Amino acid sequence: MSAYTESAPSRTEVDALPGATVIEFGTNWCGFCSAAQPHIEQGLAAHPDLRHLKIEDGPGRPLGRSFRVKLWPTLIFMKDGAEVARVVRPSSAQPIRDAARQIDSTE
């Protein structure tokens, strides 16, 4: 399991990302985030080419605020810089699979 990174791209950089991207907001000390990791890994397993950014979130973090993230983990699924789907606190892999398929269906 990779850690959430403190360095975050700007919203302008995220909006300019080509192709499929999932941004996962959370923190390394968050129990909900740790509990969700197996579900996230399983849900994304069929999408190895999907760009997955794990960004540390919290007060004063502009990227998370720009997406109005309220709970962790929150996964934002994007296609060519536009939000296609969002999964908040997944308790199984299925909602992640469903969201990843939404990116695939926009091609």
PDB file of N, CA and C in Angstrom:
ATOM      1  N   MET A   1       0.855  -1.188   0.000  1.00  0.00           N
ATOM      2  CA  MET A   1       0.000   0.000   0.000  1.00  0.00           C
ATOM      3  C   MET A   1       0.887   1.232   0.000  1.00  0.00           C
ATOM      4  N   SER A   2       0.681   2.086  -0.966  1.00  0.00           N
ATOM      5  CA  SER A   2       1.472   3.311  -1.030  1.00  0.00           C
ATOM      6  C   SER A   2       0.861   4.363  -0.109  1.00  0.00           C
ATOM      7  N   ALA A   3       1.701   5.274   0.336  1.00  0.00           N
ATOM      8  CA  ALA A   3       1.275   6.317   1.258  1.00  0.00           C
ATOM      9  C   ALA A   3       0.682   7.496   0.488  1.00  0.00           C
ATOM     10  N   TYR A   4      -0.110   8.282   1.197  1.00  0.00           N
ATOM     11  CA  TYR A   4      -0.617   9.533   0.635  1.00  0.00           C
ATOM     12  C   TYR A   4       0.544  10.516   0.595  1.00  0.00           C
ATOM     13  N   THR A   5       0.670  11.227  -0.501  1.00  0.00           N
ATOM     14  CA  THR A   5       1.758  12.171  -0.659  1.00  0.00           C
ATOM     15  C   THR A   5       1.322  13.567  -0.241  1.00  0.00           C
ATOM     16  N   GLU A   6       2.238  14.283   0.393  1.00  0.00           N
ATOM     17  CA  GLU A   6       1.945  15.650   0.813  1.00  0.00           C
ATOM     18  C   GLU A   6       1.981  16.620  -0.354  1.00  0.00           C
ATOM     19  N   SER A   7       2.771  16.285  -1.382  1.00  0.00           N
ATOM     20  CA  SER A   7       2.863  17.196  -2.529  1.00  0.00           C
ATOM     21  C   SER A   7       1.687  16.930  -3.459  1.00  0.00           C
ATOM     22  N   ALA A   8       0.942  17.977  -3.738  1.00  0.00           N
ATOM     23  CA  ALA A   8      -0.236  17.845  -4.576  1.00  0.00           C
ATOM     24  C   ALA A   8      -0.116  18.757  -5.790  1.00  0.00           C
ATOM     25  N   PRO A   9      -0.594  18.282  -6.928  1.00  0.00           N
ATOM     26  CA  PRO A   9      -0.629  19.165  -8.089  1.00  0.00           C
ATOM     27  C   PRO A   9      -1.670  20.263  -7.855  1.00  0.00           C
ATOM     28  N   SER A  10      -1.619  21.297  -8.645  1.00  0.00           N
ATOM     29  CA  SER A  10      -2.634  22.352  -8.566  1.00  0.00           C
ATOM     30  C   SER A  10      -3.904  21.861  -9.249  1.00  0.00           C
ATOM     31  N   ARG A  11      -4.999  22.533  -9.003  1.00  0.00           N
ATOM     32  CA  ARG A  11      -6.254  22.165  -9.666  1.00  0.00           C
ATOM     33  C   ARG A  11      -6.113  22.356 -11.172  1.00  0.00           C
ATOM     34  N   THR A  12      -5.398  23.378 -11.595  1.00  0.00           N
ATOM     35  CA  THR A  12      -5.179  23.608 -13.024  1.00  0.00           C
ATOM     36  C   THR A  12      -4.434  22.431 -13.640  1.00  0.00           C
ATOM     37  N   GLU A  13      -3.409  21.919 -12.930  1.00  0.00           N
ATOM     38  CA  GLU A  13      -2.658  20.765 -13.440  1.00  0.00           C
ATOM     39  C   GLU A  13      -3.551  19.525 -13.519  1.00  0.00           C
ATOM     40  N   VAL A  14      -4.377  19.302 -12.501  1.00  0.00           N
ATOM     41  CA  VAL A  14      -5.284  18.150 -12.502  1.00  0.00           C
ATOM     42  C   VAL A  14      -6.292  18.260 -13.643  1.00  0.00           C
ATOM     43  N   ASP A  15      -6.856  19.442 -13.826  1.00  0.00           N
ATOM     44  CA  ASP A  15      -7.847  19.633 -14.889  1.00  0.00           C
ATOM     45  C   ASP A  15      -7.248  19.426 -16.280  1.00  0.00           C
ATOM     46  N   ALA A  16      -5.926  19.552 -16.402  1.00  0.00           N
ATOM     47  CA  ALA A  16      -5.247  19.387 -17.691  1.00  0.00           C
ATOM     48  C   ALA A  16      -4.753  17.956 -17.934  1.00  0.00           C
ATOM     49  N   LEU A  17      -4.931  17.048 -16.960  1.00  0.00           N
ATOM     50  CA  LEU A  17      -4.445  15.678 -17.134  1.00  0.00           C
ATOM     51  C   LEU A  17      -5.210  14.976 -18.250  1.00  0.00           C
ATOM     52  N   PRO A  18      -4.488  14.417 -19.216  1.00  0.00           N
ATOM     53  CA  PRO A  18      -5.162  13.693 -20.288  1.00  0.00           C
ATOM     54  C   PRO A  18      -5.538  12.278 -19.835  1.00  0.00           C
ATOM     55  N   GLY A  19      -6.596  11.740 -20.410  1.00  0.00           N
ATOM     56  CA  GLY A  19      -6.961  10.360 -20.147  1.00  0.00           C
ATOM     57  C   GLY A  19      -7.649  10.161 -18.811  1.00  0.00           C
ATOM     58  N   ALA A  20      -7.588   8.913 -18.336  1.00  0.00           N
ATOM     59  CA  ALA A  20      -8.286   8.503 -17.120  1.00  0.00           C
ATOM     60  C   ALA A  20      -7.398   8.649 -15.892  1.00  0.00           C
ATOM     61  N   THR A  21      -7.972   9.246 -14.844  1.00  0.00           N
ATOM     62  CA  THR A  21      -7.252   9.481 -13.592  1.00  0.00           C
ATOM     63  C   THR A  21      -8.202   9.262 -12.431  1.00  0.00           C
ATOM     64  N   VAL A  22      -7.686   8.683 -11.351  1.00  0.00           N
ATOM     65  CA  VAL A  22      -8.427   8.662 -10.095  1.00  0.00           C
ATOM     66  C   VAL A  22      -7.556   9.355  -9.049  1.00  0.00           C
ATOM     67  N   ILE A  23      -8.158  10.314  -8.356  1.00  0.00           N
ATOM     68  CA  ILE A  23      -7.463  10.995  -7.268  1.00  0.00           C
ATOM     69  C   ILE A  23      -8.084  10.506  -5.979  1.00  0.00           C
ATOM     70  N   GLU A  24      -7.254   9.953  -5.112  1.00  0.00           N
ATOM     71  CA  GLU A  24      -7.708   9.445  -3.822  1.00  0.00           C
ATOM     72  C   GLU A  24      -7.252  10.414  -2.745  1.00  0.00           C
ATOM     73  N   PHE A  25      -8.208  11.015  -2.058  1.00  0.00           N
ATOM     74  CA  PHE A  25      -7.901  11.939  -0.973  1.00  0.00           C
ATOM     75  C   PHE A  25      -8.051  11.215   0.361  1.00  0.00           C
ATOM     76  N   GLY A  26      -7.078  11.423   1.247  1.00  0.00           N
ATOM     77  CA  GLY A  26      -7.123  10.820   2.576  1.00  0.00           C
ATOM     78  C   GLY A  26      -5.884  11.210   3.350  1.00  0.00           C
ATOM     79  N   THR A  27      -5.621  10.505   4.445  1.00  0.00           N
ATOM     80  CA  THR A  27      -4.392  10.715   5.211  1.00  0.00           C
ATOM     81  C   THR A  27      -3.851   9.361   5.626  1.00  0.00           C
ATOM     82  N   ASN A  28      -2.563   9.334   5.936  1.00  0.00           N
ATOM     83  CA  ASN A  28      -1.916   8.080   6.332  1.00  0.00           C
ATOM     84  C   ASN A  28      -2.378   7.602   7.705  1.00  0.00           C
ATOM     85  N   TRP A  29      -2.903   8.485   8.544  1.00  0.00           N
ATOM     86  CA  TRP A  29      -3.335   8.104   9.892  1.00  0.00           C
ATOM     87  C   TRP A  29      -4.830   7.817   9.993  1.00  0.00           C
ATOM     88  N   CYS A  30      -5.559   7.952   8.894  1.00  0.00           N
ATOM     89  CA  CYS A  30      -7.021   7.784   8.882  1.00  0.00           C
ATOM     90  C   CYS A  30      -7.398   6.299   8.888  1.00  0.00           C
ATOM     91  N   GLY A  31      -8.159   5.886   9.893  1.00  0.00           N
ATOM     92  CA  GLY A  31      -8.601   4.498   9.987  1.00  0.00           C
ATOM     93  C   GLY A  31      -9.501   4.081   8.836  1.00  0.00           C
ATOM     94  N   PHE A  32     -10.397   4.984   8.403  1.00  0.00           N
ATOM     95  CA  PHE A  32     -11.273   4.679   7.267  1.00  0.00           C
ATOM     96  C   PHE A  32     -10.444   4.459   5.999  1.00  0.00           C
ATOM     97  N   CYS A  33      -9.392   5.280   5.846  1.00  0.00           N
ATOM     98  CA  CYS A  33      -8.525   5.169   4.665  1.00  0.00           C
ATOM     99  C   CYS A  33      -7.807   3.820   4.660  1.00  0.00           C
ATOM    100  N   SER A  34      -7.262   3.436   5.815  1.00  0.00           N
ATOM    101  CA  SER A  34      -6.562   2.145   5.920  1.00  0.00           C
ATOM    102  C   SER A  34      -7.516   0.988   5.648  1.00  0.00           C
ATOM    103  N   ALA A  35      -8.718   1.058   6.218  1.00  0.00           N
ATOM    104  CA  ALA A  35      -9.692  -0.019   6.037  1.00  0.00           C
ATOM    105  C   ALA A  35     -10.136  -0.141   4.587  1.00  0.00           C
ATOM    106  N   ALA A  36     -10.135   0.962   3.851  1.00  0.00           N
ATOM    107  CA  ALA A  36     -10.603   0.947   2.462  1.00  0.00           C
ATOM    108  C   ALA A  36      -9.547   0.460   1.476  1.00  0.00           C
ATOM    109  N   GLN A  37      -8.283   0.425   1.863  1.00  0.00           N
ATOM    110  CA  GLN A  37      -7.221   0.098   0.912  1.00  0.00           C
ATOM    111  C   GLN A  37      -7.418  -1.231   0.184  1.00  0.00           C
ATOM    112  N   PRO A  38      -7.774  -2.328   0.872  1.00  0.00           N
ATOM    113  CA  PRO A  38      -7.995  -3.579   0.116  1.00  0.00           C
ATOM    114  C   PRO A  38      -9.113  -3.453  -0.921  1.00  0.00           C
ATOM    115  N   HIS A  39     -10.171  -2.728  -0.582  1.00  0.00           N
ATOM    116  CA  HIS A  39     -11.285  -2.536  -1.528  1.00  0.00           C
ATOM    117  C   HIS A  39     -10.829  -1.711  -2.724  1.00  0.00           C
ATOM    118  N   ILE A  40     -10.036  -0.673  -2.452  1.00  0.00           N
ATOM    119  CA  ILE A  40      -9.542   0.183  -3.532  1.00  0.00           C
ATOM    120  C   ILE A  40      -8.633  -0.618  -4.460  1.00  0.00           C
ATOM    121  N   GLU A  41      -7.720  -1.400  -3.885  1.00  0.00           N
ATOM    122  CA  GLU A  41      -6.823  -2.229  -4.700  1.00  0.00           C
ATOM    123  C   GLU A  41      -7.613  -3.217  -5.557  1.00  0.00           C
ATOM    124  N   GLN A  42      -8.599  -3.880  -4.959  1.00  0.00           N
ATOM    125  CA  GLN A  42      -9.410  -4.839  -5.712  1.00  0.00           C
ATOM    126  C   GLN A  42     -10.215  -4.138  -6.800  1.00  0.00           C
ATOM    127  N   GLY A  43     -10.786  -2.993  -6.458  1.00  0.00           N
ATOM    128  CA  GLY A  43     -11.620  -2.271  -7.414  1.00  0.00           C
ATOM    129  C   GLY A  43     -10.856  -1.747  -8.607  1.00  0.00           C
ATOM    130  N   LEU A  44      -9.588  -1.402  -8.399  1.00  0.00           N
ATOM    131  CA  LEU A  44      -8.770  -0.848  -9.481  1.00  0.00           C
ATOM    132  C   LEU A  44      -7.926  -1.908 -10.191  1.00  0.00           C
ATOM    133  N   ALA A  45      -7.952  -3.151  -9.701  1.00  0.00           N
ATOM    134  CA  ALA A  45      -7.075  -4.201 -10.235  1.00  0.00           C
ATOM    135  C   ALA A  45      -7.255  -4.419 -11.737  1.00  0.00           C
ATOM    136  N   ALA A  46      -8.458  -4.289 -12.233  1.00  0.00           N
ATOM    137  CA  ALA A  46      -8.721  -4.516 -13.656  1.00  0.00           C
ATOM    138  C   ALA A  46      -8.382  -3.304 -14.514  1.00  0.00           C
ATOM    139  N   HIS A  47      -7.845  -2.257 -13.889  1.00  0.00           N
ATOM    140  CA  HIS A  47      -7.533  -1.018 -14.603  1.00  0.00           C
ATOM    141  C   HIS A  47      -6.086  -0.584 -14.327  1.00  0.00           C
ATOM    142  N   PRO A  48      -5.109  -1.407 -14.724  1.00  0.00           N
ATOM    143  CA  PRO A  48      -3.711  -1.089 -14.399  1.00  0.00           C
ATOM    144  C   PRO A  48      -3.193   0.180 -15.068  1.00  0.00           C
ATOM    145  N   ASP A  49      -3.832   0.624 -16.141  1.00  0.00           N
ATOM    146  CA  ASP A  49      -3.374   1.831 -16.837  1.00  0.00           C
ATOM    147  C   ASP A  49      -4.004   3.111 -16.275  1.00  0.00           C
ATOM    148  N   LEU A  50      -4.893   2.956 -15.318  1.00  0.00           N
ATOM    149  CA  LEU A  50      -5.554   4.117 -14.718  1.00  0.00           C
ATOM    150  C   LEU A  50      -4.552   4.863 -13.824  1.00  0.00           C
ATOM    151  N   ARG A  51      -4.359   6.137 -14.099  1.00  0.00           N
ATOM    152  CA  ARG A  51      -3.467   6.976 -13.274  1.00  0.00           C
ATOM    153  C   ARG A  51      -4.115   7.124 -11.909  1.00  0.00           C
ATOM    154  N   HIS A  52      -3.387   6.762 -10.835  1.00  0.00           N
ATOM    155  CA  HIS A  52      -3.926   6.786  -9.471  1.00  0.00           C
ATOM    156  C   HIS A  52      -3.039   7.685  -8.616  1.00  0.00           C
ATOM    157  N   LEU A  53      -3.581   8.809  -8.200  1.00  0.00           N
ATOM    158  CA  LEU A  53      -2.847   9.753  -7.351  1.00  0.00           C
ATOM    159  C   LEU A  53      -3.412   9.681  -5.945  1.00  0.00           C
ATOM    160  N   LYS A  54      -2.547   9.439  -4.965  1.00  0.00           N
ATOM    161  CA  LYS A  54      -2.969   9.417  -3.562  1.00  0.00           C
ATOM    162  C   LYS A  54      -2.467  10.709  -2.923  1.00  0.00           C
ATOM    163  N   ILE A  55      -3.401  11.607  -2.617  1.00  0.00           N
ATOM    164  CA  ILE A  55      -3.067  12.944  -2.142  1.00  0.00           C
ATOM    165  C   ILE A  55      -3.513  13.101  -0.694  1.00  0.00           C
ATOM    166  N   GLU A  56      -2.583  13.539   0.158  1.00  0.00           N
ATOM    167  CA  GLU A  56      -2.939  13.816   1.548  1.00  0.00           C
ATOM    168  C   GLU A  56      -3.830  15.045   1.597  1.00  0.00           C
ATOM    169  N   ASP A  57      -4.908  14.919   2.358  1.00  0.00           N
ATOM    170  CA  ASP A  57      -5.878  15.998   2.437  1.00  0.00           C
ATOM    171  C   ASP A  57      -5.971  16.499   3.870  1.00  0.00           C
ATOM    172  N   GLY A  58      -6.574  17.648   4.042  1.00  0.00           N
ATOM    173  CA  GLY A  58      -6.781  18.223   5.363  1.00  0.00           C
ATOM    174  C   GLY A  58      -7.035  19.711   5.253  1.00  0.00           C
ATOM    175  N   PRO A  59      -7.226  20.362   6.403  1.00  0.00           N
ATOM    176  CA  PRO A  59      -7.470  21.805   6.393  1.00  0.00           C
ATOM    177  C   PRO A  59      -6.339  22.550   5.685  1.00  0.00           C
ATOM    178  N   GLY A  60      -6.730  23.503   4.868  1.00  0.00           N
ATOM    179  CA  GLY A  60      -5.736  24.307   4.163  1.00  0.00           C
ATOM    180  C   GLY A  60      -5.148  23.648   2.935  1.00  0.00           C
ATOM    181  N   ARG A  61      -5.626  22.468   2.591  1.00  0.00           N
ATOM    182  CA  ARG A  61      -5.143  21.787   1.380  1.00  0.00           C
ATOM    183  C   ARG A  61      -6.042  22.186   0.213  1.00  0.00           C
ATOM    184  N   PRO A  62      -5.556  23.023  -0.705  1.00  0.00           N
ATOM    185  CA  PRO A  62      -6.440  23.591  -1.729  1.00  0.00           C
ATOM    186  C   PRO A  62      -7.026  22.582  -2.708  1.00  0.00           C
ATOM    187  N   LEU A  63      -6.315  21.516  -3.039  1.00  0.00           N
ATOM    188  CA  LEU A  63      -6.849  20.590  -4.039  1.00  0.00           C
ATOM    189  C   LEU A  63      -8.099  19.889  -3.506  1.00  0.00           C
ATOM    190  N   GLY A  64      -8.018  19.380  -2.297  1.00  0.00           N
ATOM    191  CA  GLY A  64      -9.190  18.731  -1.701  1.00  0.00           C
ATOM    192  C   GLY A  64     -10.359  19.682  -1.549  1.00  0.00           C
ATOM    193  N   ARG A  65     -10.075  20.935  -1.185  1.00  0.00           N
ATOM    194  CA  ARG A  65     -11.152  21.926  -1.038  1.00  0.00           C
ATOM    195  C   ARG A  65     -11.787  22.223  -2.395  1.00  0.00           C
ATOM    196  N   SER A  66     -10.980  22.241  -3.454  1.00  0.00           N
ATOM    197  CA  SER A  66     -11.523  22.550  -4.776  1.00  0.00           C
ATOM    198  C   SER A  66     -12.500  21.474  -5.245  1.00  0.00           C
ATOM    199  N   PHE A  67     -12.346  20.241  -4.724  1.00  0.00           N
ATOM    200  CA  PHE A  67     -13.267  19.147  -5.045  1.00  0.00           C
ATOM    201  C   PHE A  67     -14.355  18.983  -3.979  1.00  0.00           C
ATOM    202  N   ARG A  68     -14.338  19.868  -2.970  1.00  0.00           N
ATOM    203  CA  ARG A  68     -15.308  19.822  -1.864  1.00  0.00           C
ATOM    204  C   ARG A  68     -15.290  18.478  -1.136  1.00  0.00           C
ATOM    205  N   VAL A  69     -14.088  17.944  -0.908  1.00  0.00           N
ATOM    206  CA  VAL A  69     -13.932  16.688  -0.179  1.00  0.00           C
ATOM    207  C   VAL A  69     -14.291  16.927   1.286  1.00  0.00           C
ATOM    208  N   LYS A  70     -15.162  16.074   1.810  1.00  0.00           N
ATOM    209  CA  LYS A  70     -15.612  16.196   3.196  1.00  0.00           C
ATOM    210  C   LYS A  70     -15.199  14.991   4.050  1.00  0.00           C
ATOM    211  N   LEU A  71     -15.201  13.799   3.457  1.00  0.00           N
ATOM    212  CA  LEU A  71     -14.884  12.568   4.184  1.00  0.00           C
ATOM    213  C   LEU A  71     -13.744  11.842   3.482  1.00  0.00           C
ATOM    214  N   TRP A  72     -12.997  11.075   4.248  1.00  0.00           N
ATOM    215  CA  TRP A  72     -11.887  10.294   3.695  1.00  0.00           C
ATOM    216  C   TRP A  72     -12.196   8.815   3.811  1.00  0.00           C
ATOM    217  N   PRO A  73     -11.686   8.010   2.916  1.00  0.00           N
ATOM    218  CA  PRO A  73     -11.138   8.427   1.638  1.00  0.00           C
ATOM    219  C   PRO A  73     -12.244   8.812   0.657  1.00  0.00           C
ATOM    220  N   THR A  74     -11.920   9.747  -0.196  1.00  0.00           N
ATOM    221  CA  THR A  74     -12.780  10.113  -1.314  1.00  0.00           C
ATOM    222  C   THR A  74     -11.981   9.895  -2.588  1.00  0.00           C
ATOM    223  N   LEU A  75     -12.568   9.155  -3.513  1.00  0.00           N
ATOM    224  CA  LEU A  75     -11.933   8.894  -4.801  1.00  0.00           C
ATOM    225  C   LEU A  75     -12.697   9.655  -5.880  1.00  0.00           C
ATOM    226  N   ILE A  76     -11.972  10.473  -6.615  1.00  0.00           N
ATOM    227  CA  ILE A  76     -12.542  11.250  -7.711  1.00  0.00           C
ATOM    228  C   ILE A  76     -12.055  10.614  -9.016  1.00  0.00           C
ATOM    229  N   PHE A  77     -12.980  10.123  -9.816  1.00  0.00           N
ATOM    230  CA  PHE A  77     -12.649   9.508 -11.102  1.00  0.00           C
ATOM    231  C   PHE A  77     -12.824  10.558 -12.181  1.00  0.00           C
ATOM    232  N   MET A  78     -11.759  10.778 -12.960  1.00  0.00           N
ATOM    233  CA  MET A  78     -11.760  11.843 -13.959  1.00  0.00           C
ATOM    234  C   MET A  78     -11.381  11.311 -15.330  1.00  0.00           C
ATOM    235  N   LYS A  79     -11.938  11.947 -16.343  1.00  0.00           N
ATOM    236  CA  LYS A  79     -11.589  11.647 -17.728  1.00  0.00           C
ATOM    237  C   LYS A  79     -11.262  12.973 -18.399  1.00  0.00           C
ATOM    238  N   ASP A  80     -10.026  13.117 -18.850  1.00  0.00           N
ATOM    239  CA  ASP A  80      -9.559  14.349 -19.509  1.00  0.00           C
ATOM    240  C   ASP A  80      -9.879  15.592 -18.677  1.00  0.00           C
ATOM    241  N   GLY A  81      -9.639  15.487 -17.364  1.00  0.00           N
ATOM    242  CA  GLY A  81      -9.785  16.630 -16.473  1.00  0.00           C
ATOM    243  C   GLY A  81     -11.184  16.903 -15.959  1.00  0.00           C
ATOM    244  N   ALA A  82     -12.161  16.106 -16.356  1.00  0.00           N
ATOM    245  CA  ALA A  82     -13.539  16.308 -15.904  1.00  0.00           C
ATOM    246  C   ALA A  82     -13.950  15.165 -14.973  1.00  0.00           C
ATOM    247  N   GLU A  83     -14.601  15.507 -13.862  1.00  0.00           N
ATOM    248  CA  GLU A  83     -15.073  14.482 -12.930  1.00  0.00           C
ATOM    249  C   GLU A  83     -16.191  13.683 -13.577  1.00  0.00           C
ATOM    250  N   VAL A  84     -16.040  12.343 -13.520  1.00  0.00           N
ATOM    251  CA  VAL A  84     -17.016  11.434 -14.095  1.00  0.00           C
ATOM    252  C   VAL A  84     -17.776  10.708 -12.992  1.00  0.00           C
ATOM    253  N   ALA A  85     -17.069  10.391 -11.888  1.00  0.00           N
ATOM    254  CA  ALA A  85     -17.684   9.653 -10.783  1.00  0.00           C
ATOM    255  C   ALA A  85     -16.927   9.967  -9.503  1.00  0.00           C
ATOM    256  N   ARG A  86     -17.583   9.659  -8.374  1.00  0.00           N
ATOM    257  CA  ARG A  86     -16.992   9.898  -7.058  1.00  0.00           C
ATOM    258  C   ARG A  86     -17.418   8.764  -6.140  1.00  0.00           C
ATOM    259  N   VAL A  87     -16.466   8.239  -5.368  1.00  0.00           N
ATOM    260  CA  VAL A  87     -16.761   7.198  -4.385  1.00  0.00           C
ATOM    261  C   VAL A  87     -16.224   7.688  -3.045  1.00  0.00           C
ATOM    262  N   VAL A  88     -17.087   7.685  -2.028  1.00  0.00           N
ATOM    263  CA  VAL A  88     -16.712   8.154  -0.700  1.00  0.00           C
ATOM    264  C   VAL A  88     -16.792   6.986   0.284  1.00  0.00           C
ATOM    265  N   ARG A  89     -15.713   6.775   1.025  1.00  0.00           N
ATOM    266  CA  ARG A  89     -15.623   5.711   2.038  1.00  0.00           C
ATOM    267  C   ARG A  89     -16.144   4.367   1.541  1.00  0.00           C
ATOM    268  N   PRO A  90     -15.499   3.805   0.525  1.00  0.00           N
ATOM    269  CA  PRO A  90     -15.971   2.518   0.001  1.00  0.00           C
ATOM    270  C   PRO A  90     -15.832   1.409   1.046  1.00  0.00           C
ATOM    271  N   SER A  91     -16.886   0.576   1.151  1.00  0.00           N
ATOM    272  CA  SER A  91     -16.855  -0.558   2.076  1.00  0.00           C
ATOM    273  C   SER A  91     -16.767  -1.875   1.323  1.00  0.00           C
ATOM    274  N   SER A  92     -16.654  -1.774  -0.013  1.00  0.00           N
ATOM    275  CA  SER A  92     -16.433  -2.948  -0.862  1.00  0.00           C
ATOM    276  C   SER A  92     -15.772  -2.457  -2.146  1.00  0.00           C
ATOM    277  N   ALA A  93     -15.337  -3.392  -2.975  1.00  0.00           N
ATOM    278  CA  ALA A  93     -14.673  -3.029  -4.228  1.00  0.00           C
ATOM    279  C   ALA A  93     -15.675  -2.643  -5.320  1.00  0.00           C
ATOM    280  N   GLN A  94     -16.934  -3.050  -5.189  1.00  0.00           N
ATOM    281  CA  GLN A  94     -17.899  -2.865  -6.277  1.00  0.00           C
ATOM    282  C   GLN A  94     -18.123  -1.406  -6.680  1.00  0.00           C
ATOM    283  N   PRO A  95     -18.319  -0.467  -5.739  1.00  0.00           N
ATOM    284  CA  PRO A  95     -18.518   0.914  -6.203  1.00  0.00           C
ATOM    285  C   PRO A  95     -17.304   1.478  -6.941  1.00  0.00           C
ATOM    286  N   ILE A  96     -16.124   0.990  -6.609  1.00  0.00           N
ATOM    287  CA  ILE A  96     -14.901   1.433  -7.289  1.00  0.00           C
ATOM    288  C   ILE A  96     -14.865   0.858  -8.702  1.00  0.00           C
ATOM    289  N   ARG A  97     -15.215  -0.414  -8.827  1.00  0.00           N
ATOM    290  CA  ARG A  97     -15.298  -1.027 -10.160  1.00  0.00           C
ATOM    291  C   ARG A  97     -16.311  -0.281 -11.025  1.00  0.00           C
ATOM    292  N   ASP A  98     -17.476   0.025 -10.439  1.00  0.00           N
ATOM    293  CA  ASP A  98     -18.527   0.726 -11.186  1.00  0.00           C
ATOM    294  C   ASP A  98     -18.039   2.097 -11.660  1.00  0.00           C
ATOM    295  N   ALA A  99     -17.349   2.831 -10.784  1.00  0.00           N
ATOM    296  CA  ALA A  99     -16.850   4.160 -11.140  1.00  0.00           C
ATOM    297  C   ALA A  99     -15.782   4.066 -12.229  1.00  0.00           C
ATOM    298  N   ALA A 100     -14.897   3.070 -12.120  1.00  0.00           N
ATOM    299  CA  ALA A 100     -13.852   2.889 -13.138  1.00  0.00           C
ATOM    300  C   ALA A 100     -14.481   2.551 -14.494  1.00  0.00           C
ATOM    301  N   ARG A 101     -15.559   1.779 -14.481  1.00  0.00           N
ATOM    302  CA  ARG A 101     -16.258   1.454 -15.733  1.00  0.00           C
ATOM    303  C   ARG A 101     -16.885   2.706 -16.354  1.00  0.00           C
ATOM    304  N   GLN A 102     -17.295   3.658 -15.529  1.00  0.00           N
ATOM    305  CA  GLN A 102     -17.863   4.896 -16.067  1.00  0.00           C
ATOM    306  C   GLN A 102     -16.810   5.660 -16.863  1.00  0.00           C
ATOM    307  N   ILE A 103     -15.567   5.625 -16.401  1.00  0.00           N
ATOM    308  CA  ILE A 103     -14.490   6.267 -17.164  1.00  0.00           C
ATOM    309  C   ILE A 103     -14.306   5.540 -18.487  1.00  0.00           C
ATOM    310  N   ASP A 104     -14.318   4.204 -18.426  1.00  0.00           N
ATOM    311  CA  ASP A 104     -14.151   3.413 -19.651  1.00  0.00           C
ATOM    312  C   ASP A 104     -15.264   3.696 -20.653  1.00  0.00           C
ATOM    313  N   SER A 105     -16.487   3.888 -20.161  1.00  0.00           N
ATOM    314  CA  SER A 105     -17.625   4.055 -21.073  1.00  0.00           C
ATOM    315  C   SER A 105     -17.658   5.448 -21.708  1.00  0.00           C
ATOM    316  N   THR A 106     -16.810   6.369 -21.234  1.00  0.00           N
ATOM    317  CA  THR A 106     -16.806   7.698 -21.830  1.00  0.00           C
ATOM    318  C   THR A 106     -15.835   7.800 -22.996  1.00  0.00           C
ATOM    319  N   GLU A 107     -15.181   6.692 -23.328  1.00  0.00           N
ATOM    320  CA  GLU A 107     -14.217   6.728 -24.429  1.00  0.00           C
ATOM    321  C   GLU A 107     -14.915   6.681 -25.761  1.00  0.00           C
TER     322      GLU A 107
END
